[in-house]
Amino acid sequence: MLLDIKDLWVRYDLVEALKGVSMSVADEQIVTLLGANGAGKTTTLKAISGLKAPISGEIWFHGERIDGWLPHEIVKRGIAHIPEGRRIFPDMTVIDNLLMGTHLRRDLAGIKEDLEDVYAHFPILRERRYQLGGSLSGGEQQMLATGRALMSSPKLILMDEPTLGLSPLMVREIRRIVGTINKNGVSIILVEQNAKMALRTAHRGYVLMTGKVMLEGDSRQLMNNDQVKKFYLGG
């Protein structure tokens, strides 16, 4: 198993955001987290990437326990986090944004090869590599954030609301990109309010409610679940 989370508890001051969450991600697998706002989806990603320390529980990645590690140590181990809202550097060029993803790497040949791969995924980024990141459209900024994550050479990417605020056409493009990245051997945890898109893209899913896992299963099972249909798929 690539990622294994066991009985994870996370608290913000006196509020328990995660209450015994357990989940797993296999190699080359896409897993989606579904749930209403405040269910604990973003907190789960922050705990995995070291941005929010759990009060108890365990996070194992590639056979190593990583809860308590610093974020840069987790990135170096092979986990990249694309936060909600993209969080690119708007006053830096596209290429400089991409190279920020390599700050822990020293393999110059590998960096050059990965940059060409990113440009192959996102040709618009090659065309606009000398433009400021802030001048890109929302969809292009999402591509840039995804490209920056890929430049860290990850084994697992955490994606938080990648289609938020994007047009239906760009939503389909992001879904295609997620599938392509996964086919290239990268596992993905996808947090996405567009439940239909998420379940059609993912292999497995977990439904969170008030910090607990209420349902889990493969995507087809969840799409046919009456509760999921009622609350997340529109009937």
Protein backbone atom coordinates (compact mmCIF):
# COMPACT_ATOMS: atom_id res chain seq x y z
CA MET A 1 0.00 0.00 0.00
CA LEU A 2 1.35 3.43 -0.95
CA LEU A 3 -0.47 5.44 1.76
CA ASP A 4 -2.10 4.09 4.89
CA ILE A 5 -3.86 6.36 7.41
CA LYS A 6 -4.84 4.81 10.73
CA ASP A 7 -7.29 6.31 13.25
CA LEU A 8 -6.32 9.92 12.55
CA TRP A 9 -7.51 12.68 14.90
CA VAL A 10 -6.92 16.37 14.15
CA ARG A 11 -8.06 19.35 16.22
CA TYR A 12 -8.33 23.09 15.62
CA ASP A 13 -8.24 24.61 19.11
CA LEU A 14 -11.15 22.82 20.82
CA VAL A 15 -12.87 21.68 17.62
CA GLU A 16 -12.16 18.13 16.44
CA ALA A 17 -11.89 18.26 12.64
CA LEU A 18 -11.00 14.58 12.13
CA LYS A 19 -12.31 11.88 14.45
CA GLY A 20 -10.59 8.57 13.84
CA VAL A 21 -10.23 8.71 10.05
CA SER A 22 -8.70 5.64 8.41
CA MET A 23 -8.12 5.27 4.67
CA SER A 24 -5.62 3.95 2.17
CA VAL A 25 -4.31 4.61 -1.33
CA ALA A 26 -2.69 1.95 -3.49
CA ASP A 27 0.06 2.46 -6.04
CA GLU A 28 -1.21 4.11 -9.26
CA GLN A 29 -4.66 4.67 -7.78
CA ILE A 30 -6.98 7.69 -7.76
CA VAL A 31 -8.96 8.07 -4.54
CA THR A 32 -11.57 10.80 -4.08
CA LEU A 33 -12.78 12.33 -0.83
CA LEU A 34 -16.40 13.48 -0.87
CA GLY A 35 -18.33 15.45 1.72
CA ALA A 36 -19.93 18.78 2.54
CA ASN A 37 -17.93 21.84 3.54
CA GLY A 38 -16.42 21.24 6.96
CA ALA A 39 -16.48 17.46 6.61
CA GLY A 40 -12.70 17.18 7.01
CA LYS A 41 -11.51 16.72 3.44
CA THR A 42 -9.02 19.60 3.33
CA THR A 43 -7.85 18.82 6.86
CA THR A 44 -7.06 15.27 5.76
CA LEU A 45 -4.85 16.59 2.95
CA LYS A 46 -3.13 19.05 5.29
CA ALA A 47 -2.39 16.26 7.77
CA ILE A 48 -0.87 14.09 5.04
CA SER A 49 1.35 16.90 3.74
CA GLY A 50 2.48 18.01 7.21
CA LEU A 51 0.64 21.33 7.24
CA LYS A 52 -1.52 20.29 10.19
CA ALA A 53 -0.17 17.99 12.88
CA PRO A 54 -2.55 15.27 14.12
CA ILE A 55 -3.12 14.84 17.85
CA SER A 56 -3.15 11.05 17.43
CA GLY A 57 -3.18 8.37 14.78
CA GLU A 58 -0.65 7.28 12.18
CA ILE A 59 0.19 8.15 8.57
CA TRP A 60 2.35 5.64 6.69
CA PHE A 61 3.81 6.32 3.24
CA HIS A 62 5.84 3.74 1.36
CA GLY A 63 6.37 1.82 4.57
CA GLU A 64 7.55 4.83 6.61
CA ARG A 65 5.59 6.59 9.30
CA ILE A 66 5.44 10.29 8.32
CA ASP A 67 3.03 11.92 10.78
CA GLY A 68 5.07 14.53 12.62
CA TRP A 69 7.43 15.14 9.68
CA LEU A 70 7.96 18.67 8.40
CA PRO A 71 6.28 19.57 5.08
CA HIS A 72 9.55 19.82 3.12
CA GLU A 73 10.55 16.34 4.34
CA ILE A 74 7.23 14.96 3.09
CA VAL A 75 7.65 16.67 -0.30
CA LYS A 76 11.12 15.18 -0.60
CA ARG A 77 9.71 11.74 0.19
CA GLY A 78 7.32 12.03 -2.77
CA ILE A 79 4.06 13.76 -1.80
CA ALA A 80 2.99 16.99 -3.56
CA HIS A 81 0.05 19.12 -2.40
CA ILE A 82 -1.96 21.36 -4.75
CA PRO A 83 -4.05 23.49 -2.37
CA GLU A 84 -7.48 24.94 -3.01
CA GLY A 85 -7.18 28.21 -4.92
CA ARG A 86 -4.02 27.07 -6.76
CA ARG A 87 -1.65 29.31 -4.69
CA ILE A 88 0.72 30.09 -7.54
CA PHE A 89 3.17 33.00 -7.30
CA PRO A 90 1.39 35.70 -9.36
CA ASP A 91 4.41 38.02 -9.65
CA MET A 92 6.74 35.30 -10.91
CA THR A 93 6.93 33.98 -14.47
CA VAL A 94 5.38 30.67 -15.43
CA ILE A 95 8.76 28.98 -15.74
CA ASP A 96 9.92 30.30 -12.36
CA ASN A 97 6.70 29.00 -10.79
CA LEU A 98 7.42 25.59 -12.29
CA LEU A 99 11.01 25.58 -11.08
CA MET A 100 9.82 26.32 -7.53
CA GLY A 101 8.66 22.71 -7.54
CA THR A 102 12.28 21.56 -7.89
CA HIS A 103 13.82 23.38 -4.91
CA LEU A 104 14.59 20.10 -3.12
CA ARG A 105 16.03 18.40 -6.20
CA ARG A 106 19.63 18.37 -7.44
CA ASP A 107 19.28 16.12 -10.52
CA LEU A 108 19.58 18.72 -13.27
CA ALA A 109 19.06 16.22 -16.10
CA GLY A 110 15.92 14.89 -14.45
CA ILE A 111 14.58 18.41 -13.88
CA LYS A 112 15.07 19.26 -17.54
CA GLU A 113 13.31 16.05 -18.59
CA ASP A 114 10.39 16.68 -16.21
CA LEU A 115 10.03 20.25 -17.47
CA GLU A 116 9.64 18.94 -21.01
CA ASP A 117 7.06 16.44 -19.75
CA VAL A 118 5.09 19.25 -18.08
CA TYR A 119 5.16 21.24 -21.32
CA ALA A 120 3.92 18.13 -23.14
CA HIS A 121 1.01 17.87 -20.67
CA PHE A 122 0.29 21.61 -20.85
CA PRO A 123 1.45 23.16 -24.15
CA ILE A 124 -0.04 26.53 -23.15
CA LEU A 125 2.55 26.76 -20.35
CA ARG A 126 5.39 26.52 -22.86
CA GLU A 127 3.80 29.29 -24.92
CA ARG A 128 3.41 31.49 -21.84
CA ARG A 129 6.51 30.50 -19.93
CA TYR A 130 7.77 34.09 -19.66
CA GLN A 131 4.41 35.58 -18.67
CA LEU A 132 3.61 36.34 -15.05
CA GLY A 133 1.58 33.64 -13.35
CA GLY A 134 -1.03 36.17 -12.30
CA SER A 135 -1.79 37.01 -15.93
CA LEU A 136 -3.07 33.48 -16.66
CA SER A 137 -6.73 32.46 -16.67
CA GLY A 138 -8.11 30.35 -13.82
CA GLY A 139 -7.80 27.16 -15.83
CA GLU A 140 -4.25 27.98 -16.88
CA GLN A 141 -3.31 28.72 -13.28
CA GLN A 142 -4.63 25.30 -12.30
CA MET A 143 -2.43 23.77 -15.00
CA LEU A 144 0.50 25.75 -13.63
CA ALA A 145 -0.14 24.58 -10.06
CA THR A 146 -0.39 20.98 -11.30
CA GLY A 147 2.78 21.37 -13.35
CA ARG A 148 4.63 22.77 -10.34
CA ALA A 149 3.57 19.72 -8.30
CA LEU A 150 4.78 17.38 -11.04
CA MET A 151 8.17 19.12 -11.03
CA SER A 152 8.79 17.72 -7.54
CA SER A 153 8.71 14.21 -9.08
CA PRO A 154 5.93 12.95 -6.77
CA LYS A 155 4.58 9.46 -6.17
CA LEU A 156 1.36 10.92 -4.74
CA ILE A 157 -0.41 14.21 -5.52
CA LEU A 158 -3.02 15.73 -3.19
CA MET A 159 -5.45 17.86 -5.24
CA ASP A 160 -7.85 20.16 -3.38
CA GLU A 161 -10.80 21.43 -5.46
CA PRO A 162 -8.96 21.61 -8.82
CA THR A 163 -12.11 22.54 -10.79
CA LEU A 164 -13.38 25.24 -8.42
CA GLY A 165 -14.62 28.24 -10.42
CA LEU A 166 -13.74 26.72 -13.81
CA SER A 167 -15.93 26.44 -16.91
CA PRO A 168 -17.49 23.07 -17.85
CA LEU A 169 -15.01 22.80 -20.73
CA MET A 170 -12.06 23.33 -18.38
CA VAL A 171 -13.55 20.86 -15.88
CA ARG A 172 -13.43 18.18 -18.57
CA GLU A 173 -9.85 19.16 -19.38
CA ILE A 174 -8.80 18.90 -15.72
CA ARG A 175 -10.41 15.45 -15.55
CA ARG A 176 -8.42 14.40 -18.62
CA ILE A 177 -5.22 15.74 -17.07
CA VAL A 178 -5.82 13.87 -13.80
CA GLY A 179 -6.33 10.64 -15.72
CA THR A 180 -3.18 11.16 -17.78
CA ILE A 181 -1.04 11.86 -14.72
CA ASN A 182 -2.37 8.72 -13.08
CA LYS A 183 -1.64 6.61 -16.17
CA ASN A 184 1.95 7.81 -15.90
CA GLY A 185 2.22 6.08 -12.53
CA VAL A 186 1.30 8.82 -10.03
CA SER A 187 -1.35 8.17 -7.37
CA ILE A 188 -3.81 10.97 -6.61
CA ILE A 189 -6.10 11.95 -3.76
CA LEU A 190 -8.80 14.15 -5.25
CA VAL A 191 -10.96 16.46 -3.13
CA GLU A 192 -13.74 17.73 -5.36
CA GLN A 193 -17.21 19.25 -4.88
CA ASN A 194 -18.17 18.01 -8.36
CA ALA A 195 -19.00 14.53 -7.09
CA LYS A 196 -19.99 13.13 -10.48
CA MET A 197 -16.69 14.15 -12.04
CA ALA A 198 -14.76 12.87 -9.02
CA LEU A 199 -16.39 9.44 -8.98
CA ARG A 200 -16.08 9.05 -12.75
CA THR A 201 -12.38 9.83 -12.46
CA ALA A 202 -11.43 7.91 -9.30
CA HIS A 203 -10.99 4.20 -8.63
CA ARG A 204 -12.14 4.41 -5.00
CA GLY A 205 -13.81 6.95 -2.76
CA TYR A 206 -14.46 7.90 0.84
CA VAL A 207 -17.42 9.95 2.05
CA LEU A 208 -16.63 12.11 5.08
CA MET A 209 -19.19 13.65 7.41
CA THR A 210 -18.24 15.83 10.41
CA GLY A 211 -14.74 14.40 10.53
CA LYS A 212 -15.63 10.72 10.18
CA VAL A 213 -15.60 8.25 7.27
CA MET A 214 -19.24 7.32 6.75
CA LEU A 215 -18.94 5.36 3.50
CA GLU A 216 -16.16 3.88 1.40
CA GLY A 217 -15.89 1.67 -1.65
CA ASP A 218 -15.02 1.59 -5.30
CA SER A 219 -16.40 4.43 -7.38
CA ARG A 220 -19.08 2.36 -9.08
CA GLN A 221 -20.43 1.17 -5.74
CA LEU A 222 -20.58 4.73 -4.42
CA MET A 223 -22.28 6.05 -7.55
CA ASN A 224 -25.02 3.45 -7.04
CA ASN A 225 -25.39 4.12 -3.31
CA ASP A 226 -28.73 5.73 -2.47
CA GLN A 227 -27.23 8.10 0.12
CA VAL A 228 -24.54 9.28 -2.29
CA LYS A 229 -27.14 9.76 -5.04
CA LYS A 230 -29.37 11.78 -2.73
CA PHE A 231 -26.78 14.06 -1.15
CA TYR A 232 -24.01 14.35 -3.77
CA LEU A 233 -25.28 13.32 -7.21
CA GLY A 234 -28.54 15.23 -7.34
CA GLY A 235 -31.03 12.42 -6.87
